[in-house]
């Protein structure tokens, strides 16, 4: 069994650290150059929203039909504004009426 002590001077460790530094530089560059599109708003598809809310796409259709959630229809495509969904969830929040002791 090889009991080699791994230090920063180890070739593999040095290579790993170099790659991590490059990755960090790339991430910082992306963050600096990121531009908001469509007014900074994010739009979600049925599939994305149903996954986030853990409900079926059919349930989302029912919510639309009942006027519970706002949506945008472009041709046959349905989109949801993320900020609208956040507001619906905030408005639907109910505090627990029974306090734990």
N, C-alpha and C. Protein backbone atom coordinates (compact mmCIF):
# COMPACT_ATOMS: atom_id res chain seq x y z
N UNK A 1 0.84 -1.17 0.00
CA UNK A 1 0.00 0.00 0.00
C UNK A 1 0.88 1.24 0.00
N UNK A 2 0.60 2.18 -0.89
CA UNK A 2 1.37 3.40 -1.04
C UNK A 2 0.86 4.44 -0.05
N UNK A 3 1.74 4.94 0.82
CA UNK A 3 1.35 5.93 1.83
C UNK A 3 1.97 7.28 1.50
N UNK A 4 1.70 7.76 0.28
CA UNK A 4 2.26 9.02 -0.17
C UNK A 4 1.46 10.18 0.43
N UNK A 5 2.16 11.17 0.93
CA UNK A 5 1.53 12.37 1.47
C UNK A 5 1.22 13.30 0.30
N UNK A 6 -0.03 13.72 0.23
CA UNK A 6 -0.44 14.60 -0.87
C UNK A 6 -0.34 16.04 -0.40
N UNK A 7 0.43 16.82 -1.15
CA UNK A 7 0.61 18.24 -0.84
C UNK A 7 0.30 19.06 -2.09
N UNK A 8 0.38 20.37 -1.95
CA UNK A 8 0.16 21.27 -3.10
C UNK A 8 1.21 21.05 -4.18
N UNK A 9 2.34 20.53 -3.81
CA UNK A 9 3.41 20.31 -4.76
C UNK A 9 3.18 19.06 -5.62
N UNK A 10 2.24 18.23 -5.21
CA UNK A 10 1.92 17.03 -5.97
C UNK A 10 1.40 17.47 -7.34
N UNK A 11 1.85 16.81 -8.39
CA UNK A 11 1.49 17.19 -9.77
C UNK A 11 -0.02 17.16 -10.00
N UNK A 12 -0.68 16.14 -9.52
CA UNK A 12 -2.13 16.02 -9.71
C UNK A 12 -2.89 17.10 -8.94
N UNK A 13 -2.45 17.39 -7.76
CA UNK A 13 -3.10 18.42 -6.94
C UNK A 13 -2.88 19.79 -7.59
N UNK A 14 -1.68 20.05 -8.07
CA UNK A 14 -1.38 21.32 -8.72
C UNK A 14 -2.24 21.50 -9.97
N UNK A 15 -2.42 20.44 -10.73
CA UNK A 15 -3.26 20.49 -11.93
C UNK A 15 -4.71 20.75 -11.57
N UNK A 16 -5.19 20.10 -10.54
CA UNK A 16 -6.56 20.29 -10.08
C UNK A 16 -6.78 21.73 -9.62
N UNK A 17 -5.86 22.27 -8.85
CA UNK A 17 -5.97 23.65 -8.38
C UNK A 17 -5.95 24.64 -9.54
N UNK A 18 -5.14 24.37 -10.54
CA UNK A 18 -5.07 25.24 -11.71
C UNK A 18 -6.41 25.23 -12.46
N UNK A 19 -6.99 24.06 -12.62
CA UNK A 19 -8.28 23.95 -13.31
C UNK A 19 -9.39 24.64 -12.51
N UNK A 20 -9.34 24.52 -11.20
CA UNK A 20 -10.34 25.17 -10.36
C UNK A 20 -10.22 26.69 -10.45
N UNK A 21 -9.01 27.20 -10.50
CA UNK A 21 -8.79 28.64 -10.66
C UNK A 21 -9.35 29.13 -11.99
N UNK A 22 -9.11 28.37 -13.06
CA UNK A 22 -9.64 28.75 -14.37
C UNK A 22 -11.17 28.73 -14.37
N UNK A 23 -11.73 27.74 -13.72
CA UNK A 23 -13.18 27.64 -13.62
C UNK A 23 -13.76 28.85 -12.87
N UNK A 24 -13.13 29.23 -11.79
CA UNK A 24 -13.57 30.40 -11.02
C UNK A 24 -13.49 31.68 -11.86
N UNK A 25 -12.41 31.83 -12.61
CA UNK A 25 -12.26 33.00 -13.47
C UNK A 25 -13.36 33.03 -14.53
N UNK A 26 -13.67 31.88 -15.12
CA UNK A 26 -14.74 31.81 -16.12
C UNK A 26 -16.09 32.16 -15.50
N UNK A 27 -16.35 31.68 -14.31
CA UNK A 27 -17.62 31.96 -13.63
C UNK A 27 -17.74 33.45 -13.31
N UNK A 28 -16.66 34.05 -12.86
CA UNK A 28 -16.66 35.49 -12.57
C UNK A 28 -16.90 36.30 -13.84
N UNK A 29 -16.29 35.88 -14.94
CA UNK A 29 -16.49 36.55 -16.21
C UNK A 29 -17.93 36.45 -16.67
N UNK A 30 -18.52 35.27 -16.53
CA UNK A 30 -19.93 35.09 -16.89
C UNK A 30 -20.83 35.99 -16.06
N UNK A 31 -20.57 36.06 -14.77
CA UNK A 31 -21.39 36.88 -13.88
C UNK A 31 -21.28 38.36 -14.24
N UNK A 32 -20.10 38.81 -14.61
CA UNK A 32 -19.89 40.21 -14.97
C UNK A 32 -20.57 40.57 -16.29
N UNK A 33 -20.59 39.63 -17.23
CA UNK A 33 -21.11 39.90 -18.56
C UNK A 33 -22.56 39.46 -18.75
N UNK A 34 -23.21 38.97 -17.70
CA UNK A 34 -24.59 38.50 -17.81
C UNK A 34 -25.52 39.68 -18.03
N UNK A 35 -26.35 39.58 -19.05
CA UNK A 35 -27.30 40.64 -19.35
C UNK A 35 -28.71 40.11 -19.17
N UNK A 36 -29.55 40.91 -18.52
CA UNK A 36 -30.94 40.52 -18.34
C UNK A 36 -31.69 40.69 -19.65
N UNK A 37 -32.55 39.75 -19.97
CA UNK A 37 -33.36 39.83 -21.17
C UNK A 37 -34.82 39.94 -20.78
N UNK A 38 -35.62 40.48 -21.65
CA UNK A 38 -37.06 40.63 -21.42
C UNK A 38 -37.35 41.29 -20.09
N UNK A 39 -36.66 42.37 -19.83
CA UNK A 39 -36.90 43.12 -18.60
C UNK A 39 -36.46 42.38 -17.35
N UNK A 40 -35.58 41.41 -17.50
CA UNK A 40 -35.10 40.67 -16.34
C UNK A 40 -36.08 39.62 -15.86
N UNK A 41 -37.16 39.42 -16.61
CA UNK A 41 -38.20 38.46 -16.22
C UNK A 41 -37.85 37.07 -16.75
N UNK A 42 -38.17 36.07 -15.95
CA UNK A 42 -37.96 34.69 -16.36
C UNK A 42 -39.33 34.07 -16.63
N UNK A 43 -39.43 33.34 -17.72
CA UNK A 43 -40.68 32.70 -18.10
C UNK A 43 -40.52 31.19 -18.00
N UNK A 44 -41.55 30.54 -17.49
CA UNK A 44 -41.51 29.10 -17.27
C UNK A 44 -42.51 28.40 -18.18
N UNK A 45 -42.16 27.21 -18.62
CA UNK A 45 -43.08 26.39 -19.40
C UNK A 45 -43.94 25.56 -18.45
N UNK A 46 -44.96 24.91 -19.00
CA UNK A 46 -45.79 24.00 -18.21
C UNK A 46 -44.95 22.94 -17.51
N UNK A 47 -44.04 22.37 -18.27
CA UNK A 47 -43.22 21.29 -17.73
C UNK A 47 -42.35 21.78 -16.58
N UNK A 48 -41.71 22.94 -16.76
CA UNK A 48 -40.85 23.49 -15.70
C UNK A 48 -41.65 23.82 -14.45
N UNK A 49 -42.79 24.51 -14.64
CA UNK A 49 -43.59 24.92 -13.49
C UNK A 49 -44.20 23.73 -12.77
N UNK A 50 -44.68 22.75 -13.52
CA UNK A 50 -45.27 21.58 -12.86
C UNK A 50 -44.22 20.85 -12.04
N UNK A 51 -42.99 20.80 -12.54
CA UNK A 51 -41.90 20.18 -11.78
C UNK A 51 -41.57 20.95 -10.52
N UNK A 52 -41.57 22.28 -10.63
CA UNK A 52 -41.23 23.12 -9.46
C UNK A 52 -42.31 23.02 -8.38
N UNK A 53 -43.58 23.02 -8.81
CA UNK A 53 -44.68 23.01 -7.85
C UNK A 53 -45.10 21.60 -7.44
N UNK A 54 -44.55 20.61 -8.12
CA UNK A 54 -44.89 19.21 -7.84
C UNK A 54 -46.39 18.95 -8.05
N UNK A 55 -46.91 19.49 -9.16
CA UNK A 55 -48.29 19.23 -9.57
C UNK A 55 -48.25 18.78 -11.02
N UNK A 56 -49.32 18.17 -11.48
CA UNK A 56 -49.37 17.71 -12.86
C UNK A 56 -49.62 18.88 -13.80
N UNK A 57 -49.30 18.67 -15.05
CA UNK A 57 -49.57 19.69 -16.06
C UNK A 57 -51.07 19.87 -16.23
N UNK A 58 -51.82 18.83 -16.00
CA UNK A 58 -53.28 18.90 -16.06
C UNK A 58 -53.80 19.81 -14.95
N UNK A 59 -53.19 19.74 -13.77
CA UNK A 59 -53.58 20.62 -12.66
C UNK A 59 -53.32 22.08 -13.04
N UNK A 60 -52.20 22.34 -13.71
CA UNK A 60 -51.91 23.70 -14.15
C UNK A 60 -52.98 24.19 -15.13
N UNK A 61 -53.42 23.30 -15.99
CA UNK A 61 -54.48 23.67 -16.93
C UNK A 61 -55.76 24.02 -16.17
N UNK A 62 -56.09 23.24 -15.14
CA UNK A 62 -57.26 23.54 -14.31
C UNK A 62 -57.10 24.89 -13.63
N UNK A 63 -55.91 25.18 -13.09
CA UNK A 63 -55.66 26.46 -12.42
C UNK A 63 -55.84 27.62 -13.40
N UNK A 64 -55.39 27.44 -14.64
CA UNK A 64 -55.58 28.48 -15.67
C UNK A 64 -57.05 28.67 -15.97
N UNK A 65 -57.75 27.57 -16.18
CA UNK A 65 -59.18 27.63 -16.52
C UNK A 65 -60.00 28.28 -15.41
N UNK A 66 -59.58 28.06 -14.16
CA UNK A 66 -60.30 28.61 -13.00
C UNK A 66 -59.86 30.04 -12.69
N UNK A 67 -58.85 30.53 -13.40
CA UNK A 67 -58.35 31.89 -13.17
C UNK A 67 -57.49 32.00 -11.93
N UNK A 68 -56.95 30.90 -11.46
CA UNK A 68 -56.10 30.91 -10.26
C UNK A 68 -54.69 31.42 -10.53
N UNK A 69 -54.17 31.13 -11.72
CA UNK A 69 -52.81 31.55 -12.05
C UNK A 69 -52.80 32.29 -13.38
N UNK A 70 -52.04 33.40 -13.45
CA UNK A 70 -51.91 34.13 -14.71
C UNK A 70 -50.96 33.40 -15.66
N UNK A 71 -51.18 33.59 -16.94
CA UNK A 71 -50.33 32.95 -17.93
C UNK A 71 -50.32 33.76 -19.21
N UNK A 72 -49.40 33.40 -20.10
CA UNK A 72 -49.28 34.01 -21.41
C UNK A 72 -49.42 32.89 -22.43
N UNK A 73 -50.23 33.14 -23.45
CA UNK A 73 -50.37 32.14 -24.51
C UNK A 73 -49.83 32.73 -25.81
N UNK A 74 -48.84 32.07 -26.35
CA UNK A 74 -48.25 32.44 -27.64
C UNK A 74 -48.50 31.28 -28.59
N UNK A 75 -49.47 31.43 -29.45
CA UNK A 75 -49.85 30.31 -30.30
C UNK A 75 -50.35 29.18 -29.42
N UNK A 76 -49.74 28.02 -29.54
CA UNK A 76 -50.12 26.89 -28.71
C UNK A 76 -49.26 26.74 -27.47
N UNK A 77 -48.35 27.67 -27.26
CA UNK A 77 -47.41 27.59 -26.14
C UNK A 77 -47.92 28.40 -24.96
N UNK A 78 -47.86 27.82 -23.76
CA UNK A 78 -48.26 28.49 -22.53
C UNK A 78 -47.00 28.81 -21.73
N UNK A 79 -46.88 30.05 -21.29
CA UNK A 79 -45.75 30.48 -20.46
C UNK A 79 -46.28 31.16 -19.21
N UNK A 80 -45.50 31.05 -18.15
CA UNK A 80 -45.85 31.66 -16.87
C UNK A 80 -44.72 32.58 -16.46
N UNK A 81 -45.06 33.79 -16.04
CA UNK A 81 -44.05 34.70 -15.52
C UNK A 81 -43.70 34.24 -14.11
N UNK A 82 -42.42 34.05 -13.87
CA UNK A 82 -41.97 33.57 -12.56
C UNK A 82 -42.44 34.50 -11.44
N UNK A 83 -42.38 35.79 -11.66
CA UNK A 83 -42.80 36.75 -10.63
C UNK A 83 -44.30 36.63 -10.34
N UNK A 84 -45.10 36.33 -11.36
CA UNK A 84 -46.54 36.13 -11.14
C UNK A 84 -46.80 34.91 -10.27
N UNK A 85 -46.08 33.84 -10.54
CA UNK A 85 -46.26 32.61 -9.77
C UNK A 85 -45.81 32.83 -8.33
N UNK A 86 -44.71 33.54 -8.13
CA UNK A 86 -44.25 33.83 -6.77
C UNK A 86 -45.31 34.63 -6.01
N UNK A 87 -45.93 35.58 -6.69
CA UNK A 87 -46.97 36.40 -6.04
C UNK A 87 -48.18 35.56 -5.68
N UNK A 88 -48.59 34.66 -6.56
CA UNK A 88 -49.73 33.77 -6.28
C UNK A 88 -49.43 32.92 -5.05
N UNK A 89 -48.20 32.41 -4.97
CA UNK A 89 -47.83 31.59 -3.82
C UNK A 89 -47.80 32.41 -2.54
N UNK A 90 -47.29 33.64 -2.60
CA UNK A 90 -47.27 34.50 -1.42
C UNK A 90 -48.69 34.83 -0.96
N UNK A 91 -49.56 35.11 -1.92
CA UNK A 91 -50.94 35.44 -1.58
C UNK A 91 -51.69 34.25 -0.98
N UNK A 92 -51.28 33.06 -1.36
CA UNK A 92 -51.94 31.86 -0.86
C UNK A 92 -51.38 31.36 0.46
N UNK A 93 -50.34 32.00 0.95
CA UNK A 93 -49.70 31.56 2.20
C UNK A 93 -50.63 31.77 3.38
N UNK A 94 -50.74 30.76 4.20
CA UNK A 94 -51.54 30.84 5.42
C UNK A 94 -50.66 30.42 6.60
N UNK A 95 -50.63 31.27 7.60
CA UNK A 95 -49.86 30.96 8.81
C UNK A 95 -50.52 29.81 9.57
N UNK A 96 -49.72 29.06 10.27
CA UNK A 96 -50.26 28.02 11.14
C UNK A 96 -51.06 28.67 12.24
N UNK A 97 -52.21 28.15 12.51
CA UNK A 97 -53.03 28.76 13.55
C UNK A 97 -52.78 28.12 14.91
N UNK A 98 -52.02 27.05 14.92
CA UNK A 98 -51.70 26.37 16.17
C UNK A 98 -50.21 26.47 16.41
N UNK A 99 -49.83 27.08 17.48
CA UNK A 99 -48.41 27.24 17.80
C UNK A 99 -47.91 25.99 18.52
N UNK A 100 -46.71 25.58 18.17
CA UNK A 100 -46.06 24.46 18.85
C UNK A 100 -45.45 24.96 20.15
N UNK A 101 -45.53 24.18 21.19
CA UNK A 101 -44.96 24.58 22.48
C UNK A 101 -43.66 23.91 22.73
